[in-house]
């Protein structure tokens, strides 16, 4: 008896709920947008960072995880690196973008078998 009643209730509510669900897939809230890994593996500049964040928001992506990666162009944790992080955070704030940072993927802070240059 419970199964037929459940099916009846589900079918009577399905019309509006299915449409709302469909619309939420078409236009998800910012908190449910994709969150891609954003590899910083080339020369990072304020202009490039702003451009890439703007492009992500134009395509409905409102959050990303930054991975410092080999070939980044600036020394990891250097003053220049932190300046770029600051520019990225400033751009993200202006565009309502959530910026997350990850570490230790591809050992960006150094390899145990490599002597630091400084």
PDB file of N, CA and C in Angstrom:
ATOM      1  N   UNK A   1       0.816  -1.196   0.000  1.00  0.00           N
ATOM      2  CA  UNK A   1       0.000   0.000   0.000  1.00  0.00           C
ATOM      3  C   UNK A   1       0.856   1.254   0.000  1.00  0.00           C
ATOM      4  N   UNK A   2       1.986   1.218   0.686  1.00  0.00           N
ATOM      5  CA  UNK A   2       2.841   2.393   0.768  1.00  0.00           C
ATOM      6  C   UNK A   2       3.454   2.741  -0.582  1.00  0.00           C
ATOM      7  N   UNK A   3       3.863   1.757  -1.345  1.00  0.00           N
ATOM      8  CA  UNK A   3       4.465   2.013  -2.652  1.00  0.00           C
ATOM      9  C   UNK A   3       3.498   2.717  -3.599  1.00  0.00           C
ATOM     10  N   UNK A   4       2.244   2.260  -3.755  1.00  0.00           N
ATOM     11  CA  UNK A   4       1.331   2.983  -4.649  1.00  0.00           C
ATOM     12  C   UNK A   4       1.086   4.423  -4.203  1.00  0.00           C
ATOM     13  N   UNK A   5       0.980   4.654  -2.896  1.00  0.00           N
ATOM     14  CA  UNK A   5       0.782   6.021  -2.416  1.00  0.00           C
ATOM     15  C   UNK A   5       2.008   6.886  -2.706  1.00  0.00           C
ATOM     16  N   UNK A   6       3.181   6.333  -2.539  1.00  0.00           N
ATOM     17  CA  UNK A   6       4.415   7.066  -2.831  1.00  0.00           C
ATOM     18  C   UNK A   6       4.501   7.416  -4.301  1.00  0.00           C
ATOM     19  N   UNK A   7       4.154   6.465  -5.159  1.00  0.00           N
ATOM     20  CA  UNK A   7       4.170   6.725  -6.600  1.00  0.00           C
ATOM     21  C   UNK A   7       3.158   7.784  -6.982  1.00  0.00           C
ATOM     22  N   UNK A   8       1.953   7.735  -6.371  1.00  0.00           N
ATOM     23  CA  UNK A   8       0.930   8.734  -6.654  1.00  0.00           C
ATOM     24  C   UNK A   8       1.417  10.117  -6.233  1.00  0.00           C
ATOM     25  N   UNK A   9       1.991  10.229  -5.025  1.00  0.00           N
ATOM     26  CA  UNK A   9       2.480  11.513  -4.533  1.00  0.00           C
ATOM     27  C   UNK A   9       3.604  12.033  -5.427  1.00  0.00           C
ATOM     28  N   UNK A  10       4.544  11.179  -5.807  1.00  0.00           N
ATOM     29  CA  UNK A  10       5.660  11.589  -6.654  1.00  0.00           C
ATOM     30  C   UNK A  10       5.172  12.073  -8.010  1.00  0.00           C
ATOM     31  N   UNK A  11       4.190  11.379  -8.583  1.00  0.00           N
ATOM     32  CA  UNK A  11       3.705  11.792  -9.908  1.00  0.00           C
ATOM     33  C   UNK A  11       2.923  13.089  -9.829  1.00  0.00           C
ATOM     34  N   UNK A  12       2.223  13.344  -8.731  1.00  0.00           N
ATOM     35  CA  UNK A  12       1.460  14.590  -8.623  1.00  0.00           C
ATOM     36  C   UNK A  12       2.375  15.788  -8.413  1.00  0.00           C
ATOM     37  N   UNK A  13       3.551  15.590  -7.837  1.00  0.00           N
ATOM     38  CA  UNK A  13       4.492  16.692  -7.598  1.00  0.00           C
ATOM     39  C   UNK A  13       5.512  16.827  -8.719  1.00  0.00           C
ATOM     40  N   UNK A  14       5.549  15.878  -9.615  1.00  0.00           N
ATOM     41  CA  UNK A  14       6.622  15.795 -10.591  1.00  0.00           C
ATOM     42  C   UNK A  14       6.658  16.959 -11.559  1.00  0.00           C
ATOM     43  N   UNK A  15       5.518  17.468 -11.994  1.00  0.00           N
ATOM     44  CA  UNK A  15       5.495  18.508 -13.012  1.00  0.00           C
ATOM     45  C   UNK A  15       6.330  19.715 -12.658  1.00  0.00           C
ATOM     46  N   UNK A  16       6.033  20.356 -11.557  1.00  0.00           N
ATOM     47  CA  UNK A  16       6.748  21.562 -11.143  1.00  0.00           C
ATOM     48  C   UNK A  16       8.178  21.238 -10.722  1.00  0.00           C
ATOM     49  N   UNK A  17       8.359  20.143  -9.991  1.00  0.00           N
ATOM     50  CA  UNK A  17       9.684  19.790  -9.505  1.00  0.00           C
ATOM     51  C   UNK A  17      10.635  19.451 -10.642  1.00  0.00           C
ATOM     52  N   UNK A  18      10.150  18.758 -11.645  1.00  0.00           N
ATOM     53  CA  UNK A  18      11.000  18.388 -12.780  1.00  0.00           C
ATOM     54  C   UNK A  18      11.443  19.639 -13.520  1.00  0.00           C
ATOM     55  N   UNK A  19      10.524  20.575 -13.717  1.00  0.00           N
ATOM     56  CA  UNK A  19      10.880  21.821 -14.410  1.00  0.00           C
ATOM     57  C   UNK A  19      11.887  22.626 -13.592  1.00  0.00           C
ATOM     58  N   UNK A  20      11.689  22.717 -12.275  1.00  0.00           N
ATOM     59  CA  UNK A  20      12.634  23.435 -11.413  1.00  0.00           C
ATOM     60  C   UNK A  20      13.998  22.766 -11.433  1.00  0.00           C
ATOM     61  N   UNK A  21      13.997  21.446 -11.382  1.00  0.00           N
ATOM     62  CA  UNK A  21      15.252  20.707 -11.438  1.00  0.00           C
ATOM     63  C   UNK A  21      15.957  20.943 -12.770  1.00  0.00           C
ATOM     64  N   UNK A  22      15.197  20.895 -13.848  1.00  0.00           N
ATOM     65  CA  UNK A  22      15.750  21.134 -15.182  1.00  0.00           C
ATOM     66  C   UNK A  22      16.366  22.530 -15.264  1.00  0.00           C
ATOM     67  N   UNK A  23      15.659  23.537 -14.758  1.00  0.00           N
ATOM     68  CA  UNK A  23      16.163  24.905 -14.783  1.00  0.00           C
ATOM     69  C   UNK A  23      17.425  25.045 -13.929  1.00  0.00           C
ATOM     70  N   UNK A  24      17.479  24.317 -12.815  1.00  0.00           N
ATOM     71  CA  UNK A  24      18.672  24.404 -11.977  1.00  0.00           C
ATOM     72  C   UNK A  24      19.889  23.769 -12.643  1.00  0.00           C
ATOM     73  N   UNK A  25      19.663  22.822 -13.547  1.00  0.00           N
ATOM     74  CA  UNK A  25      20.776  22.272 -14.318  1.00  0.00           C
ATOM     75  C   UNK A  25      21.197  23.240 -15.414  1.00  0.00           C
ATOM     76  N   UNK A  26      20.226  23.921 -16.022  1.00  0.00           N
ATOM     77  CA  UNK A  26      20.550  24.901 -17.053  1.00  0.00           C
ATOM     78  C   UNK A  26      21.264  26.106 -16.469  1.00  0.00           C
ATOM     79  N   UNK A  27      20.793  26.589 -15.336  1.00  0.00           N
ATOM     80  CA  UNK A  27      21.316  27.797 -14.707  1.00  0.00           C
ATOM     81  C   UNK A  27      21.591  27.538 -13.221  1.00  0.00           C
ATOM     82  N   UNK A  28      22.645  26.774 -12.940  1.00  0.00           N
ATOM     83  CA  UNK A  28      22.912  26.444 -11.533  1.00  0.00           C
ATOM     84  C   UNK A  28      23.322  27.684 -10.750  1.00  0.00           C
ATOM     85  N   UNK A  29      23.031  27.691  -9.450  1.00  0.00           N
ATOM     86  CA  UNK A  29      23.501  28.808  -8.631  1.00  0.00           C
ATOM     87  C   UNK A  29      25.031  28.820  -8.601  1.00  0.00           C
ATOM     88  N   UNK A  30      25.594  29.976  -8.349  1.00  0.00           N
ATOM     89  CA  UNK A  30      27.054  30.118  -8.337  1.00  0.00           C
ATOM     90  C   UNK A  30      27.725  29.094  -7.426  1.00  0.00           C
ATOM     91  N   UNK A  31      27.089  28.805  -6.293  1.00  0.00           N
ATOM     92  CA  UNK A  31      27.688  27.862  -5.344  1.00  0.00           C
ATOM     93  C   UNK A  31      27.745  26.441  -5.891  1.00  0.00           C
ATOM     94  N   UNK A  32      26.982  26.158  -6.940  1.00  0.00           N
ATOM     95  CA  UNK A  32      26.979  24.822  -7.530  1.00  0.00           C
ATOM     96  C   UNK A  32      27.644  24.791  -8.897  1.00  0.00           C
ATOM     97  N   UNK A  33      28.406  25.828  -9.236  1.00  0.00           N
ATOM     98  CA  UNK A  33      29.071  25.826 -10.536  1.00  0.00           C
ATOM     99  C   UNK A  33      30.219  24.821 -10.536  1.00  0.00           C
ATOM    100  N   UNK A  34      30.723  24.539 -11.695  1.00  0.00           N
ATOM    101  CA  UNK A  34      31.911  23.697 -11.796  1.00  0.00           C
ATOM    102  C   UNK A  34      33.056  24.362 -11.036  1.00  0.00           C
ATOM    103  N   UNK A  35      33.999  23.568 -10.539  1.00  0.00           N
ATOM    104  CA  UNK A  35      35.175  24.101  -9.858  1.00  0.00           C
ATOM    105  C   UNK A  35      36.407  23.416 -10.462  1.00  0.00           C
ATOM    106  N   UNK A  36      36.880  23.936 -11.609  1.00  0.00           N
ATOM    107  CA  UNK A  36      38.011  23.269 -12.269  1.00  0.00           C
ATOM    108  C   UNK A  36      39.322  23.507 -11.538  1.00  0.00           C
ATOM    109  N   UNK A  37      40.288  22.634 -11.814  1.00  0.00           N
ATOM    110  CA  UNK A  37      41.656  22.856 -11.371  1.00  0.00           C
ATOM    111  C   UNK A  37      42.259  23.870 -12.328  1.00  0.00           C
ATOM    112  N   UNK A  38      42.829  24.919 -11.799  1.00  0.00           N
ATOM    113  CA  UNK A  38      43.436  25.976 -12.602  1.00  0.00           C
ATOM    114  C   UNK A  38      44.937  25.899 -12.380  1.00  0.00           C
ATOM    115  N   UNK A  39      45.620  25.252 -13.307  1.00  0.00           N
ATOM    116  CA  UNK A  39      47.061  25.043 -13.178  1.00  0.00           C
ATOM    117  C   UNK A  39      47.798  26.312 -13.577  1.00  0.00           C
ATOM    118  N   UNK A  40      48.583  26.840 -12.664  1.00  0.00           N
ATOM    119  CA  UNK A  40      49.455  27.965 -12.981  1.00  0.00           C
ATOM    120  C   UNK A  40      50.779  27.355 -13.428  1.00  0.00           C
ATOM    121  N   UNK A  41      50.905  27.110 -14.727  1.00  0.00           N
ATOM    122  CA  UNK A  41      52.081  26.431 -15.256  1.00  0.00           C
ATOM    123  C   UNK A  41      52.767  27.237 -16.349  1.00  0.00           C
ATOM    124  N   UNK A  42      52.573  28.533 -16.350  1.00  0.00           N
ATOM    125  CA  UNK A  42      53.238  29.436 -17.273  1.00  0.00           C
ATOM    126  C   UNK A  42      53.474  30.747 -16.546  1.00  0.00           C
ATOM    127  N   UNK A  43      53.908  31.739 -17.273  1.00  0.00           N
ATOM    128  CA  UNK A  43      54.130  33.042 -16.661  1.00  0.00           C
ATOM    129  C   UNK A  43      52.789  33.625 -16.241  1.00  0.00           C
ATOM    130  N   UNK A  44      52.594  33.796 -14.957  1.00  0.00           N
ATOM    131  CA  UNK A  44      51.334  34.347 -14.464  1.00  0.00           C
ATOM    132  C   UNK A  44      51.501  35.849 -14.294  1.00  0.00           C
ATOM    133  N   UNK A  45      50.548  36.576 -14.816  1.00  0.00           N
ATOM    134  CA  UNK A  45      50.551  38.029 -14.691  1.00  0.00           C
ATOM    135  C   UNK A  45      49.171  38.468 -14.227  1.00  0.00           C
ATOM    136  N   UNK A  46      49.089  39.676 -13.717  1.00  0.00           N
ATOM    137  CA  UNK A  46      47.807  40.200 -13.294  1.00  0.00           C
ATOM    138  C   UNK A  46      46.811  40.246 -14.444  1.00  0.00           C
ATOM    139  N   UNK A  47      47.288  40.663 -15.622  1.00  0.00           N
ATOM    140  CA  UNK A  47      46.402  40.757 -16.786  1.00  0.00           C
ATOM    141  C   UNK A  47      45.877  39.382 -17.191  1.00  0.00           C
ATOM    142  N   UNK A  48      46.748  38.379 -17.209  1.00  0.00           N
ATOM    143  CA  UNK A  48      46.324  37.023 -17.577  1.00  0.00           C
ATOM    144  C   UNK A  48      45.342  36.465 -16.553  1.00  0.00           C
ATOM    145  N   UNK A  49      45.633  36.703 -15.286  1.00  0.00           N
ATOM    146  CA  UNK A  49      44.761  36.213 -14.224  1.00  0.00           C
ATOM    147  C   UNK A  49      43.369  36.827 -14.348  1.00  0.00           C
ATOM    148  N   UNK A  50      43.311  38.155 -14.530  1.00  0.00           N
ATOM    149  CA  UNK A  50      42.018  38.830 -14.691  1.00  0.00           C
ATOM    150  C   UNK A  50      41.271  38.297 -15.907  1.00  0.00           C
ATOM    151  N   UNK A  51      41.983  38.129 -17.009  1.00  0.00           N
ATOM    152  CA  UNK A  51      41.356  37.638 -18.243  1.00  0.00           C
ATOM    153  C   UNK A  51      40.785  36.241 -18.051  1.00  0.00           C
ATOM    154  N   UNK A  52      41.554  35.361 -17.417  1.00  0.00           N
ATOM    155  CA  UNK A  52      41.099  33.983 -17.254  1.00  0.00           C
ATOM    156  C   UNK A  52      39.924  33.879 -16.279  1.00  0.00           C
ATOM    157  N   UNK A  53      39.956  34.656 -15.198  1.00  0.00           N
ATOM    158  CA  UNK A  53      38.815  34.643 -14.272  1.00  0.00           C
ATOM    159  C   UNK A  53      37.575  35.182 -14.980  1.00  0.00           C
ATOM    160  N   UNK A  54      37.748  36.266 -15.733  1.00  0.00           N
ATOM    161  CA  UNK A  54      36.614  36.841 -16.467  1.00  0.00           C
ATOM    162  C   UNK A  54      36.049  35.823 -17.460  1.00  0.00           C
ATOM    163  N   UNK A  55      36.922  35.110 -18.164  1.00  0.00           N
ATOM    164  CA  UNK A  55      36.444  34.101 -19.115  1.00  0.00           C
ATOM    165  C   UNK A  55      35.697  32.978 -18.412  1.00  0.00           C
ATOM    166  N   UNK A  56      36.193  32.559 -17.252  1.00  0.00           N
ATOM    167  CA  UNK A  56      35.482  31.501 -16.530  1.00  0.00           C
ATOM    168  C   UNK A  56      34.089  31.972 -16.131  1.00  0.00           C
ATOM    169  N   UNK A  57      33.973  33.204 -15.601  1.00  0.00           N
ATOM    170  CA  UNK A  57      32.652  33.685 -15.193  1.00  0.00           C
ATOM    171  C   UNK A  57      31.727  33.858 -16.389  1.00  0.00           C
ATOM    172  N   UNK A  58      32.269  34.245 -17.546  1.00  0.00           N
ATOM    173  CA  UNK A  58      31.446  34.385 -18.753  1.00  0.00           C
ATOM    174  C   UNK A  58      30.865  33.045 -19.202  1.00  0.00           C
ATOM    175  N   UNK A  59      31.492  31.959 -18.767  1.00  0.00           N
ATOM    176  CA  UNK A  59      31.019  30.613 -19.120  1.00  0.00           C
ATOM    177  C   UNK A  59      30.335  29.912 -17.949  1.00  0.00           C
ATOM    178  N   UNK A  60      29.941  30.681 -16.933  1.00  0.00           N
ATOM    179  CA  UNK A  60      29.171  30.114 -15.831  1.00  0.00           C
ATOM    180  C   UNK A  60      29.986  29.388 -14.784  1.00  0.00           C
ATOM    181  N   UNK A  61      31.278  29.628 -14.755  1.00  0.00           N
ATOM    182  CA  UNK A  61      32.146  29.008 -13.742  1.00  0.00           C
ATOM    183  C   UNK A  61      32.524  30.094 -12.757  1.00  0.00           C
ATOM    184  N   UNK A  62      32.210  29.884 -11.480  1.00  0.00           N
ATOM    185  CA  UNK A  62      32.396  30.917 -10.471  1.00  0.00           C
ATOM    186  C   UNK A  62      33.327  30.486  -9.348  1.00  0.00           C
ATOM    187  N   UNK A  63      34.116  29.441  -9.580  1.00  0.00           N
ATOM    188  CA  UNK A  63      35.077  29.003  -8.580  1.00  0.00           C
ATOM    189  C   UNK A  63      36.128  28.126  -9.255  1.00  0.00           C
ATOM    190  N   UNK A  64      37.329  28.126  -8.708  1.00  0.00           N
ATOM    191  CA  UNK A  64      38.410  27.299  -9.241  1.00  0.00           C
ATOM    192  C   UNK A  64      39.409  27.014  -8.136  1.00  0.00           C
ATOM    193  N   UNK A  65      40.193  25.956  -8.339  1.00  0.00           N
ATOM    194  CA  UNK A  65      41.275  25.597  -7.418  1.00  0.00           C
ATOM    195  C   UNK A  65      42.587  25.856  -8.153  1.00  0.00           C
ATOM    196  N   UNK A  66      43.400  26.762  -7.625  1.00  0.00           N
ATOM    197  CA  UNK A  66      44.690  27.088  -8.227  1.00  0.00           C
ATOM    198  C   UNK A  66      45.724  26.056  -7.795  1.00  0.00           C
ATOM    199  N   UNK A  67      46.403  25.483  -8.774  1.00  0.00           N
ATOM    200  CA  UNK A  67      47.518  24.572  -8.510  1.00  0.00           C
ATOM    201  C   UNK A  67      48.794  25.195  -9.038  1.00  0.00           C
ATOM    202  N   UNK A  68      49.718  25.622  -8.166  1.00  0.00           N
ATOM    203  CA  UNK A  68      51.035  26.018  -8.656  1.00  0.00           C
ATOM    204  C   UNK A  68      51.685  24.796  -9.286  1.00  0.00           C
ATOM    205  N   UNK A  69      52.286  24.963 -10.448  1.00  0.00           N
ATOM    206  CA  UNK A  69      52.763  23.818 -11.207  1.00  0.00           C
ATOM    207  C   UNK A  69      54.110  24.131 -11.829  1.00  0.00           C
ATOM    208  N   UNK A  70      54.829  23.093 -12.222  1.00  0.00           N
ATOM    209  CA  UNK A  70      56.123  23.289 -12.895  1.00  0.00           C
ATOM    210  C   UNK A  70      55.971  24.254 -14.061  1.00  0.00           C
ATOM    211  N   UNK A  71      56.956  25.124 -14.233  1.00  0.00           N
ATOM    212  CA  UNK A  71      56.940  26.067 -15.345  1.00  0.00           C
ATOM    213  C   UNK A  71      56.136  27.319 -15.053  1.00  0.00           C
ATOM    214  N   UNK A  72      55.827  27.560 -13.774  1.00  0.00           N
ATOM    215  CA  UNK A  72      54.954  28.664 -13.403  1.00  0.00           C
ATOM    216  C   UNK A  72      55.519  30.007 -13.843  1.00  0.00           C
ATOM    217  N   UNK A  73      56.807  30.162 -13.985  1.00  0.00           N
ATOM    218  CA  UNK A  73      57.381  31.420 -14.442  1.00  0.00           C
ATOM    219  C   UNK A  73      57.828  32.328 -13.312  1.00  0.00           C
ATOM    220  N   UNK A  74      57.273  32.163 -12.133  1.00  0.00           N
ATOM    221  CA  UNK A  74      57.751  32.880 -10.944  1.00  0.00           C
ATOM    222  C   UNK A  74      58.101  31.834  -9.902  1.00  0.00           C
ATOM    223  N   UNK A  75      59.017  32.181  -9.035  1.00  0.00           N
ATOM    224  CA  UNK A  75      59.415  31.220  -8.003  1.00  0.00           C
ATOM    225  C   UNK A  75      58.287  31.068  -6.988  1.00  0.00           C
ATOM    226  N   UNK A  76      57.975  29.836  -6.693  1.00  0.00           N
ATOM    227  CA  UNK A  76      56.905  29.529  -5.750  1.00  0.00           C
ATOM    228  C   UNK A  76      57.208  30.156  -4.391  1.00  0.00           C
ATOM    229  N   UNK A  77      56.226  30.828  -3.820  1.00  0.00           N
ATOM    230  CA  UNK A  77      56.269  31.501  -2.524  1.00  0.00           C
ATOM    231  C   UNK A  77      57.175  32.737  -2.496  1.00  0.00           C
ATOM    232  N   UNK A  78      57.655  33.186  -3.651  1.00  0.00           N
ATOM    233  CA  UNK A  78      58.451  34.412  -3.718  1.00  0.00           C
ATOM    234  C   UNK A  78      57.527  35.617  -3.573  1.00  0.00           C
ATOM    235  N   UNK A  79      58.109  36.783  -3.406  1.00  0.00           N
ATOM    236  CA  UNK A  79      57.315  38.011  -3.305  1.00  0.00           C
ATOM    237  C   UNK A  79      56.478  38.210  -4.576  1.00  0.00           C
ATOM    238  N   UNK A  80      57.055  37.917  -5.728  1.00  0.00           N
ATOM    239  CA  UNK A  80      56.311  38.051  -6.995  1.00  0.00           C
ATOM    240  C   UNK A  80      55.126  37.086  -7.048  1.00  0.00           C
ATOM    241  N   UNK A  81      55.318  35.878  -6.546  1.00  0.00           N
ATOM    242  CA  UNK A  81      54.221  34.911  -6.484  1.00  0.00           C
ATOM    243  C   UNK A  81      53.079  35.466  -5.637  1.00  0.00           C
ATOM    244  N   UNK A  82      53.393  36.001  -4.449  1.00  0.00           N
ATOM    245  CA  UNK A  82      52.352  36.519  -3.564  1.00  0.00           C
ATOM    246  C   UNK A  82      51.669  37.752  -4.165  1.00  0.00           C
ATOM    247  N   UNK A  83      52.407  38.533  -4.937  1.00  0.00           N
ATOM    248  CA  UNK A  83      51.778  39.659  -5.632  1.00  0.00           C
ATOM    249  C   UNK A  83      50.739  39.150  -6.631  1.00  0.00           C
ATOM    250  N   UNK A  84      51.069  38.076  -7.341  1.00  0.00           N
ATOM    251  CA  UNK A  84      50.122  37.503  -8.300  1.00  0.00           C
ATOM    252  C   UNK A  84      48.914  36.900  -7.586  1.00  0.00           C
ATOM    253  N   UNK A  85      49.154  36.272  -6.449  1.00  0.00           N
ATOM    254  CA  UNK A  85      48.039  35.741  -5.658  1.00  0.00           C
ATOM    255  C   UNK A  85      47.120  36.887  -5.243  1.00  0.00           C
ATOM    256  N   UNK A  86      47.719  37.996  -4.791  1.00  0.00           N
ATOM    257  CA  UNK A  86      46.930  39.152  -4.396  1.00  0.00           C
ATOM    258  C   UNK A  86      46.104  39.709  -5.551  1.00  0.00           C
ATOM    259  N   UNK A  87      46.692  39.798  -6.732  1.00  0.00           N
ATOM    260  CA  UNK A  87      45.961  40.277  -7.908  1.00  0.00           C
ATOM    261  C   UNK A  87      44.818  39.327  -8.262  1.00  0.00           C
ATOM    262  N   UNK A  88      45.079  38.029  -8.148  1.00  0.00           N
ATOM    263  CA  UNK A  88      44.029  37.042  -8.437  1.00  0.00           C
ATOM    264  C   UNK A  88      42.884  37.168  -7.443  1.00  0.00           C
ATOM    265  N   UNK A  89      43.216  37.337  -6.168  1.00  0.00           N
ATOM    266  CA  UNK A  89      42.172  37.493  -5.146  1.00  0.00           C
ATOM    267  C   UNK A  89      41.360  38.770  -5.363  1.00  0.00           C
ATOM    268  N   UNK A  90      42.033  39.840  -5.748  1.00  0.00           N
ATOM    269  CA  UNK A  90      41.343  41.104  -6.020  1.00  0.00           C
ATOM    270  C   UNK A  90      40.374  40.946  -7.196  1.00  0.00           C
ATOM    271  N   UNK A  91      40.833  40.310  -8.266  1.00  0.00           N
ATOM    272  CA  UNK A  91      39.972  40.074  -9.433  1.00  0.00           C
ATOM    273  C   UNK A  91      38.801  39.177  -9.068  1.00  0.00           C
ATOM    274  N   UNK A  92      39.074  38.146  -8.295  1.00  0.00           N
ATOM    275  CA  UNK A  92      38.022  37.210  -7.898  1.00  0.00           C
ATOM    276  C   UNK A  92      36.961  37.927  -7.065  1.00  0.00           C
ATOM    277  N   UNK A  93      37.382  38.764  -6.149  1.00  0.00           N
ATOM    278  CA  UNK A  93      36.437  39.492  -5.296  1.00  0.00           C
ATOM    279  C   UNK A  93      35.523  40.376  -6.139  1.00  0.00           C
ATOM    280  N   UNK A  94      36.086  41.080  -7.101  1.00  0.00           N
ATOM    281  CA  UNK A  94      35.306  41.988  -7.947  1.00  0.00           C
ATOM    282  C   UNK A  94      34.267  41.245  -8.787  1.00  0.00           C
ATOM    283  N   UNK A  95      34.582  40.023  -9.182  1.00  0.00           N
ATOM    284  CA  UNK A  95      33.689  39.264 -10.061  1.00  0.00           C
ATOM    285  C   UNK A  95      32.831  38.242  -9.322  1.00  0.00           C
ATOM    286  N   UNK A  96      32.902  38.214  -7.996  1.00  0.00           N
ATOM    287  CA  UNK A  96      32.115  37.239  -7.246  1.00  0.00           C
ATOM    288  C   UNK A  96      32.579  35.819  -7.485  1.00  0.00           C
ATOM    289  N   UNK A  97      33.877  35.638  -7.623  1.00  0.00           N
ATOM    290  CA  UNK A  97      34.505  34.357  -7.960  1.00  0.00           C
ATOM    291  C   UNK A  97      35.166  33.807  -6.710  1.00  0.00           C
ATOM    292  N   UNK A  98      35.005  32.521  -6.429  1.00  0.00           N
ATOM    293  CA  UNK A  98      35.653  31.885  -5.281  1.00  0.00           C
ATOM    294  C   UNK A  98      36.968  31.282  -5.738  1.00  0.00           C
ATOM    295  N   UNK A  99      38.041  31.723  -5.127  1.00  0.00           N
ATOM    296  CA  UNK A  99      39.378  31.265  -5.493  1.00  0.00           C
ATOM    297  C   UNK A  99      39.910  30.387  -4.370  1.00  0.00           C
ATOM    298  N   UNK A 100      40.266  29.160  -4.690  1.00  0.00           N
ATOM    299  CA  UNK A 100      40.816  28.203  -3.735  1.00  0.00           C
ATOM    300  C   UNK A 100      42.249  27.891  -4.146  1.00  0.00           C
ATOM    301  N   UNK A 101      43.080  27.546  -3.199  1.00  0.00           N
ATOM    302  CA  UNK A 101      44.475  27.231  -3.506  1.00  0.00           C
ATOM    303  C   UNK A 101      44.822  25.847  -2.974  1.00  0.00           C
ATOM    304  N   UNK A 102      45.586  25.110  -3.751  1.00  0.00           N
ATOM    305  CA  UNK A 102      46.075  23.790  -3.349  1.00  0.00           C
ATOM    306  C   UNK A 102      47.601  23.819  -3.369  1.00  0.00           C
ATOM    307  N   UNK A 103      48.187  22.960  -2.602  1.00  0.00           N
ATOM    308  CA  UNK A 103      49.639  22.886  -2.536  1.00  0.00           C
ATOM    309  C   UNK A 103      50.043  21.416  -2.546  1.00  0.00           C
ATOM    310  N   UNK A 104      51.281  21.213  -2.896  1.00  0.00           N
ATOM    311  CA  UNK A 104      51.905  19.902  -2.881  1.00  0.00           C
ATOM    312  C   UNK A 104      51.430  18.979  -4.000  1.00  0.00           C
ATOM    313  N   UNK A 105      50.817  19.524  -4.999  1.00  0.00           N
ATOM    314  CA  UNK A 105      50.510  18.722  -6.192  1.00  0.00           C
ATOM    315  C   UNK A 105      51.651  18.956  -7.154  1.00  0.00           C
ATOM    316  N   UNK A 106      52.356  17.950  -7.523  1.00  0.00           N
ATOM    317  CA  UNK A 106      53.606  18.036  -8.285  1.00  0.00           C
ATOM    318  C   UNK A 106      54.688  18.728  -7.455  1.00  0.00           C
ATOM    319  N   UNK A 107      54.590  18.642  -6.155  1.00  0.00           N
ATOM    320  CA  UNK A 107      55.598  19.137  -5.226  1.00  0.00           C
ATOM    321  C   UNK A 107      56.040  20.566  -5.531  1.00  0.00           C
ATOM    322  N   UNK A 108      55.119  21.537  -5.601  1.00  0.00           N
ATOM    323  CA  UNK A 108      55.521  22.887  -5.979  1.00  0.00           C
ATOM    324  C   UNK A 108      56.439  23.560  -4.973  1.00  0.00           C
ATOM    325  N   UNK A 109      56.395  23.140  -3.728  1.00  0.00           N
ATOM    326  CA  UNK A 109      57.265  23.777  -2.745  1.00  0.00           C
ATOM    327  C   UNK A 109      58.642  23.121  -2.699  1.00  0.00           C
ATOM    328  N   UNK A 110      58.898  22.198  -3.573  1.00  0.00           N
ATOM    329  CA  UNK A 110      60.231  21.626  -3.696  1.00  0.00           C
ATOM    330  C   UNK A 110      60.247  20.117  -3.580  1.00  0.00           C
ATOM    331  N   UNK A 111      61.288  19.535  -4.119  1.00  0.00           N
ATOM    332  CA  UNK A 111      61.503  18.087  -4.041  1.00  0.00           C
ATOM    333  C   UNK A 111      62.523  17.812  -2.938  1.00  0.00           C
ATOM    334  N   UNK A 112      62.355  16.744  -2.232  1.00  0.00           N
ATOM    335  CA  UNK A 112      63.274  16.396  -1.149  1.00  0.00           C
ATOM    336  C   UNK A 112      64.683  16.156  -1.661  1.00  0.00           C
ATOM    337  N   UNK A 113      64.835  15.765  -2.916  1.00  0.00           N
ATOM    338  CA  UNK A 113      66.148  15.432  -3.462  1.00  0.00           C
ATOM    339  C   UNK A 113      66.807  16.586  -4.203  1.00  0.00           C
ATOM    340  N   UNK A 114      66.166  17.768  -4.205  1.00  0.00           N
ATOM    341  CA  UNK A 114      66.747  18.943  -4.883  1.00  0.00           C
ATOM    342  C   UNK A 114      67.106  19.973  -3.831  1.00  0.00           C
ATOM    343  N   UNK A 115      68.358  20.449  -3.867  1.00  0.00           N
ATOM    344  CA  UNK A 115      68.807  21.461  -2.934  1.00  0.00           C
ATOM    345  C   UNK A 115      68.247  22.813  -3.385  1.00  0.00           C
ATOM    346  N   UNK A 116      67.598  23.570  -2.477  1.00  0.00           N
ATOM    347  CA  UNK A 116      67.044  24.878  -2.864  1.00  0.00           C
ATOM    348  C   UNK A 116      68.138  25.823  -3.367  1.00  0.00           C
ATOM    349  N   UNK A 117      67.780  26.708  -4.289  1.00  0.00           N
ATOM    350  CA  UNK A 117      68.753  27.627  -4.873  1.00  0.00           C
ATOM    351  C   UNK A 117      69.046  28.801  -3.951  1.00  0.00           C
ATOM    352  N   UNK A 118      68.197  29.083  -2.991  1.00  0.00           N
ATOM    353  CA  UNK A 118      68.435  30.212  -2.084  1.00  0.00           C
ATOM    354  C   UNK A 118      68.792  29.746  -0.706  1.00  0.00           C
TER     355      UNK A 118
END
